[in-house]
Structures are given as structure tokens and as C-alpha cells.
Amino acid sequence: MQIPTNKLDLFIRSVEIASYLPGRVRLYSNNMIGDEALAQQVKSQLTAFAEIDAVTTNTVSGSILIVYTPDKLRCNAELRKVEEYIMTHARRK
């Protein structure tokens, strides 16, 4: 396993990747359960990427749903690498 190289990489490796479909990723974070401040921080940081269309968080389940347009996201080299990591580590595809 490679060492995370930036905050986004570290974040993705700290969550469970539940499912992946091009344009839709569901993650789970046990740390986010019951932590509204963390959920807002995650949502804020992810929606700061213009390539991401929507982020929905749920502090009851720790769920993070990320919706994006694949072609648009893949124009960003950093996000393309993250998507490739998610593709290979998702429980369901």
C-alpha cells in the first residue's frame, strides 16, 4: 500500500468505500457518526472541487454520497487518481 501523498488521498484511505459506479460513490466513515461538525467539514471540502456535483452526508450512518460527472471529474488529475483508487477498492461495483 502506498503512503498517502495529500489530504484528499489520506481522507479516501480513512473511509470505507462501499460502492462505486461512474458518477456515484458511497463512502462510510465511523468517525462521522454523530459528528455534525465533521460531516459539514467533509461536505465543504468535497464540494470545493468544481468537478463534484453534489455531496450528501448522514451522521446517523456515517454515509457520504458523492455525485459527479465522470468526464468532468477526470479532467482533474488529482481527482482522476482518487477515482482510480476507489474503483479498485470498492466493495460493490
Protein backbone atom coordinates (compact mmCIF):
# COMPACT_ATOMS: atom_id res chain seq x y z
CA MET A 1 0.00 0.00 0.00
CA GLN A 2 1.30 3.41 -0.94
CA ILE A 3 1.68 6.19 1.61
CA PRO A 4 -0.97 8.94 1.21
CA THR A 5 0.51 11.95 -0.55
CA ASN A 6 -2.09 14.66 0.23
CA LYS A 7 -5.18 15.39 2.35
CA LEU A 8 -7.60 14.01 -0.24
CA ASP A 9 -5.62 10.78 -0.55
CA LEU A 10 -5.48 10.44 3.24
CA PHE A 11 -9.24 11.06 3.52
CA ILE A 12 -10.14 8.43 0.90
CA ARG A 13 -7.93 5.86 2.63
CA SER A 14 -9.58 6.62 6.01
CA VAL A 15 -13.12 5.71 4.90
CA GLU A 16 -14.80 2.51 3.81
CA ILE A 17 -15.54 2.54 0.08
CA ALA A 18 -18.95 0.89 -0.02
CA SER A 19 -19.88 1.26 -3.66
CA TYR A 20 -18.72 2.73 -6.94
CA LEU A 21 -20.50 3.45 -10.18
CA PRO A 22 -19.09 6.02 -12.60
CA GLY A 23 -20.59 9.28 -11.35
CA ARG A 24 -21.64 7.95 -7.93
CA VAL A 25 -19.56 6.88 -4.94
CA ARG A 26 -20.76 5.92 -1.46
CA LEU A 27 -18.30 6.05 1.41
CA TYR A 28 -18.70 5.34 5.13
CA SER A 29 -16.85 6.97 7.99
CA ASN A 30 -17.30 5.71 11.55
CA ASN A 31 -15.76 8.98 12.75
CA MET A 32 -18.63 10.94 11.20
CA ILE A 33 -21.37 9.08 13.10
CA GLY A 34 -22.95 11.61 15.46
CA ASP A 35 -20.47 14.34 14.47
CA GLU A 36 -22.30 17.07 12.59
CA ALA A 37 -19.25 19.35 12.56
CA LEU A 38 -17.15 16.70 10.83
CA ALA A 39 -19.95 16.00 8.35
CA GLN A 40 -20.11 19.69 7.45
CA GLN A 41 -16.33 19.85 7.10
CA VAL A 42 -16.28 16.82 4.79
CA LYS A 43 -19.12 18.22 2.71
CA SER A 44 -17.49 21.64 2.49
CA GLN A 45 -14.10 20.28 1.46
CA LEU A 46 -15.52 17.94 -1.17
CA THR A 47 -17.92 20.48 -2.69
CA ALA A 48 -15.00 22.90 -3.02
CA PHE A 49 -13.97 20.81 -6.05
CA ALA A 50 -15.81 22.25 -9.06
CA GLU A 51 -15.73 18.76 -10.60
CA ILE A 52 -18.01 17.35 -7.90
CA ASP A 53 -21.72 17.98 -8.47
CA ALA A 54 -23.16 17.08 -5.05
CA VAL A 55 -22.22 15.65 -1.67
CA THR A 56 -24.71 14.29 0.84
CA THR A 57 -23.67 13.28 4.35
CA ASN A 58 -25.57 11.37 7.01
CA THR A 59 -24.37 11.48 10.62
CA VAL A 60 -26.66 8.62 11.68
CA SER A 61 -25.00 6.07 9.37
CA GLY A 62 -21.69 7.85 8.63
CA SER A 63 -22.55 7.79 4.93
CA ILE A 64 -21.05 10.13 2.34
CA LEU A 65 -22.60 10.11 -1.14
CA ILE A 66 -20.59 11.84 -3.87
CA VAL A 67 -22.20 12.55 -7.24
CA TYR A 68 -20.17 13.79 -10.21
CA THR A 69 -19.95 13.81 -13.99
CA PRO A 70 -17.19 11.31 -14.86
CA ASP A 71 -15.74 13.15 -17.88
CA LYS A 72 -15.66 16.43 -15.96
CA LEU A 73 -14.03 14.87 -12.87
CA ARG A 74 -11.38 13.06 -14.90
CA CYS A 75 -10.07 16.39 -16.25
CA ASN A 76 -8.61 16.95 -12.76
CA ALA A 77 -5.53 14.68 -12.48
CA GLU A 78 -5.72 14.50 -8.67
CA LEU A 79 -9.40 13.50 -8.68
CA ARG A 80 -8.81 11.04 -11.52
CA LYS A 81 -6.22 9.26 -9.34
CA VAL A 82 -8.68 9.17 -6.44
CA GLU A 83 -11.41 7.72 -8.68
CA GLU A 84 -8.99 5.03 -9.88
CA TYR A 85 -8.20 4.13 -6.27
CA ILE A 86 -11.92 3.98 -5.43
CA MET A 87 -12.63 1.77 -8.46
CA THR A 88 -10.16 -0.84 -7.26
CA HIS A 89 -11.11 -0.72 -3.57
CA ALA A 90 -14.93 -0.52 -3.65
CA ARG A 91 -16.88 -3.40 -2.11
CA ARG A 92 -19.59 -3.16 -4.78
CA LYS A 93 -19.14 -2.04 -8.36
